[in-house]
Structures are given as C-alpha cells and as structure tokens.
Amino acid sequence: MKHTLSVLVEDEAGVLTRIAGLFARRGFNIESLAVGPAEQSGISRITMVVPGDDHIIEQLTKQLYKLINVLKVQDITEVPCVERELMLLKVNYNSSATRSEIIELAQIFRARVVDIGDDSLTIEVVGDPGKMVAIVQVLGRFGIREIARTGKIVLVRESGVNTEFLKTQAPVEARF
C-alpha cells in the first residue's frame, strides 16, 4: 500500500539529504517527493508517497523522529485531505485539426495550453494523481514527447469531509 507522509522540518541545509539517506539505508523507495516552505518561517513541509505496510511506515516514522531537524511526522493516508500535483505535458501534433482536438481534450480536463510549437503543444495540468493518469492516457495516442511532474502536495481537510468516500456513494434522490 502507498502511504502519504507529511513531515515538518527545520529549514536547514542537509535535512532532505538526511531523510533521503534514511530511506536509502533501509532500502525504501520514495515514489513522490515535494518540499517547500510551510506556514511558519524557518520550517519546511515535505510531502512524500512511500510504499509499505502499516508496520513499515510506523518504523520509518520512528526513525524520522530520531533525525535532529524533524519536528512532526504525520501519516495522512487515511485522513481526509486536499491533494494536488502539477504536470507539464508536451504532446505532438501534425495538423491544425489535430492541434484543435488536443486543445479541446485539454479543456475537458481543465488543463491549459502554455506553449505552442511548430509540431507540439505544452499543456499544464493541475489536479489529483488520478487526473494526471487519465489525461496521459487520453493524449497518449497523439504521441507524448515529454512529461515533467511534481510530487503530490497535501493538506488535511479541516472540514473532515472525505471526498474519496463521497465519490463511492450512490447519489441521493430528491424527495418532494
């Protein structure tokens, strides 16, 4: 199972290297990694997606807390969250009709064209990881030249509403 960890650290040189080293020494892969300033000056938030069962994640969490610059570690896998990624996608086209079709498909995904070349379009996509996979599948038939993708960033929903749970529920019928 993939776990999403949110780690608050002191914003000092070498912190990310120590965390990556901890994972490497134990033979664990980090599938996604995003780092940036947090809400408080001098603090950074690291969001990472790590494969492993609950026991492994518990052990990694304990090891992370042993690192001197780590302030807080949260496994937010099962917590209602807002999650986003950014992807830039360069797609081939060979005619104005094909270019128009790609632009229309991008609009369905609420993606934006950010560059047009003689034979390719660069598209910016923002959304959850599932959206990224879907647009790559849809545009793959045109030929994808390049992809650049950020890691997942996540914040816990203060409302506590789990939108993933809501997606699985049958629609409520209006009763009058």
Protein backbone atom coordinates (compact mmCIF):
# COMPACT_ATOMS: atom_id res chain seq x y z
CA MET A 1 0.00 0.00 0.00
CA LYS A 2 1.16 3.54 -0.67
CA HIS A 3 1.29 5.90 2.30
CA THR A 4 1.38 9.69 2.21
CA LEU A 5 3.60 11.24 4.86
CA SER A 6 3.62 14.92 5.78
CA VAL A 7 6.84 15.89 7.56
CA LEU A 8 7.60 19.28 9.11
CA VAL A 9 11.32 20.01 9.35
CA GLU A 10 13.61 22.87 10.27
CA ASP A 11 14.61 24.64 7.07
CA GLU A 12 18.35 23.95 7.22
CA ALA A 13 20.92 22.65 4.76
CA GLY A 14 21.20 18.87 4.59
CA VAL A 15 17.81 17.97 6.10
CA LEU A 16 16.47 16.48 2.88
CA THR A 17 19.72 14.59 2.34
CA ARG A 18 19.47 13.02 5.80
CA ILE A 19 15.86 11.99 5.21
CA ALA A 20 16.63 10.53 1.77
CA GLY A 21 19.63 8.73 3.28
CA LEU A 22 17.44 7.21 5.98
CA PHE A 23 15.13 5.76 3.31
CA ALA A 24 18.02 4.60 1.12
CA ARG A 25 19.81 2.81 4.01
CA ARG A 26 16.65 0.84 4.71
CA GLY A 27 16.08 0.04 1.03
CA PHE A 28 12.82 2.01 0.70
CA ASN A 29 11.81 3.96 -2.35
CA ILE A 30 10.19 7.39 -2.22
CA GLU A 31 7.68 7.41 -5.09
CA SER A 32 6.81 11.10 -4.83
CA LEU A 33 8.53 13.96 -3.05
CA ALA A 34 7.61 17.64 -2.74
CA VAL A 35 9.36 20.15 -0.49
CA GLY A 36 8.58 23.79 0.18
CA PRO A 37 8.24 26.43 2.86
CA ALA A 38 5.50 25.84 5.42
CA GLU A 39 3.27 28.40 7.13
CA GLN A 40 5.94 29.34 9.68
CA SER A 41 9.25 30.98 8.75
CA GLY A 42 12.20 28.60 9.04
CA ILE A 43 10.01 25.49 8.69
CA SER A 44 9.55 23.38 5.54
CA ARG A 45 6.91 20.80 4.72
CA ILE A 46 7.98 17.60 2.99
CA THR A 47 5.22 15.53 1.43
CA MET A 48 6.21 12.07 0.31
CA VAL A 49 4.49 8.99 -1.01
CA VAL A 50 6.10 5.79 0.22
CA PRO A 51 5.13 2.16 -0.47
CA GLY A 52 4.87 -0.14 2.54
CA ASP A 53 2.55 -1.72 5.06
CA ASP A 54 1.48 -0.08 8.34
CA HIS A 55 4.31 -1.72 10.31
CA ILE A 56 6.99 -0.46 7.91
CA ILE A 57 5.56 3.06 7.92
CA GLU A 58 5.44 3.03 11.72
CA GLN A 59 9.13 2.06 11.84
CA LEU A 60 10.05 4.75 9.28
CA THR A 61 8.13 7.34 11.30
CA LYS A 62 10.06 6.40 14.45
CA GLN A 63 13.34 6.65 12.53
CA LEU A 64 12.37 10.05 11.09
CA TYR A 65 11.70 11.41 14.59
CA LYS A 66 15.26 10.43 15.55
CA LEU A 67 16.64 12.90 12.97
CA ILE A 68 17.51 16.15 14.69
CA ASN A 69 15.72 18.58 12.34
CA VAL A 70 12.43 16.66 12.10
CA LEU A 71 9.64 18.37 14.03
CA LYS A 72 6.48 16.42 13.13
CA VAL A 73 5.62 13.34 11.06
CA GLN A 74 2.05 12.52 10.06
CA ASP A 75 0.80 9.53 8.07
CA ILE A 76 -2.17 11.18 6.36
CA THR A 77 -3.03 8.28 4.08
CA GLU A 78 -6.45 7.67 5.69
CA VAL A 79 -7.13 11.28 6.71
CA PRO A 80 -9.46 13.44 4.56
CA CYS A 81 -7.11 15.66 2.54
CA VAL A 82 -6.88 18.05 -0.36
CA GLU A 83 -4.19 16.74 -2.71
CA ARG A 84 -2.76 18.24 -5.89
CA GLU A 85 0.00 17.70 -8.42
CA LEU A 86 1.27 19.79 -11.29
CA MET A 87 2.26 18.26 -14.62
CA LEU A 88 3.64 19.75 -17.81
CA LEU A 89 2.94 17.57 -20.81
CA LYS A 90 4.37 18.10 -24.32
CA VAL A 91 2.14 16.49 -26.96
CA ASN A 92 2.87 16.06 -30.68
CA TYR A 93 0.51 17.25 -33.40
CA ASN A 94 0.76 17.10 -37.18
CA SER A 95 -2.14 19.28 -38.38
CA SER A 96 -4.29 22.17 -37.21
CA ALA A 97 -7.20 19.74 -36.82
CA THR A 98 -5.14 17.53 -34.51
CA ARG A 99 -3.97 20.61 -32.58
CA SER A 100 -7.59 21.72 -32.10
CA GLU A 101 -8.59 18.25 -30.93
CA ILE A 102 -5.79 18.21 -28.34
CA ILE A 103 -6.81 21.67 -27.10
CA GLU A 104 -10.44 20.54 -26.75
CA LEU A 105 -9.40 17.43 -24.83
CA ALA A 106 -7.18 19.52 -22.56
CA GLN A 107 -10.13 21.81 -21.79
CA ILE A 108 -12.19 18.82 -20.66
CA PHE A 109 -9.54 18.21 -18.00
CA ARG A 110 -9.42 21.95 -17.15
CA ALA A 111 -5.84 21.97 -18.39
CA ARG A 112 -4.20 24.98 -20.02
CA VAL A 113 -2.05 25.23 -23.13
CA VAL A 114 1.07 27.13 -22.02
CA ASP A 115 3.18 26.84 -25.20
CA ILE A 116 2.65 26.09 -28.88
CA GLY A 117 5.45 24.95 -31.16
CA ASP A 118 5.50 24.05 -34.84
CA ASP A 119 4.60 20.44 -34.07
CA SER A 120 3.86 20.23 -30.33
CA LEU A 121 1.74 21.74 -27.56
CA THR A 122 2.80 22.08 -23.94
CA ILE A 123 -0.10 21.62 -21.54
CA GLU A 124 -0.26 22.45 -17.83
CA VAL A 125 -2.42 20.12 -15.73
CA VAL A 126 -3.23 20.62 -12.04
CA GLY A 127 -5.22 18.11 -10.03
CA ASP A 128 -5.20 14.86 -8.16
CA PRO A 129 -2.94 12.00 -9.27
CA GLY A 130 -5.84 10.18 -10.96
CA LYS A 131 -6.41 13.15 -13.24
CA MET A 132 -2.76 13.03 -14.29
CA VAL A 133 -3.01 9.37 -15.28
CA ALA A 134 -6.26 9.96 -17.16
CA ILE A 135 -5.03 12.85 -19.29
CA VAL A 136 -1.83 10.98 -20.19
CA GLN A 137 -3.95 8.03 -21.35
CA VAL A 138 -6.24 10.26 -23.42
CA LEU A 139 -3.45 12.26 -25.06
CA GLY A 140 -1.08 9.31 -25.45
CA ARG A 141 -2.45 8.45 -28.90
CA PHE A 142 -1.04 11.73 -30.27
CA GLY A 143 2.45 10.94 -29.03
CA ILE A 144 3.77 12.36 -25.79
CA ARG A 145 7.17 13.93 -26.24
CA GLU A 146 7.96 14.90 -22.63
CA ILE A 147 6.43 14.86 -19.16
CA ALA A 148 7.54 16.80 -16.08
CA ARG A 149 5.56 16.16 -12.91
CA THR A 150 5.79 17.49 -9.37
CA GLY A 151 5.29 15.32 -6.36
CA LYS A 152 1.97 15.25 -4.59
CA ILE A 153 1.27 18.07 -2.14
CA VAL A 154 -1.36 17.57 0.55
CA LEU A 155 -3.11 19.43 3.33
CA VAL A 156 -5.55 17.86 5.79
CA ARG A 157 -9.16 18.95 5.26
CA GLU A 158 -10.29 20.97 8.26
CA SER A 159 -13.90 20.15 7.40
CA GLY A 160 -13.14 16.45 7.84
CA VAL A 161 -15.14 15.68 4.69
CA ASN A 162 -13.69 12.69 2.89
CA THR A 163 -14.32 13.36 -0.79
CA GLU A 164 -13.00 9.90 -1.75
CA PHE A 165 -15.74 8.37 0.40
CA LEU A 166 -18.35 10.63 -1.18
CA LYS A 167 -17.31 9.50 -4.68
CA THR A 168 -18.21 5.90 -3.80
CA GLN A 169 -21.72 6.72 -2.54
CA ALA A 170 -24.84 6.43 -4.65
CA PRO A 171 -26.45 9.77 -5.47
CA VAL A 172 -29.20 10.89 -3.11
CA GLU A 173 -32.55 11.20 -4.86
CA ALA A 174 -34.53 14.36 -4.32
CA ARG A 175 -37.74 13.64 -2.43
CA PHE A 176 -40.62 16.08 -2.77
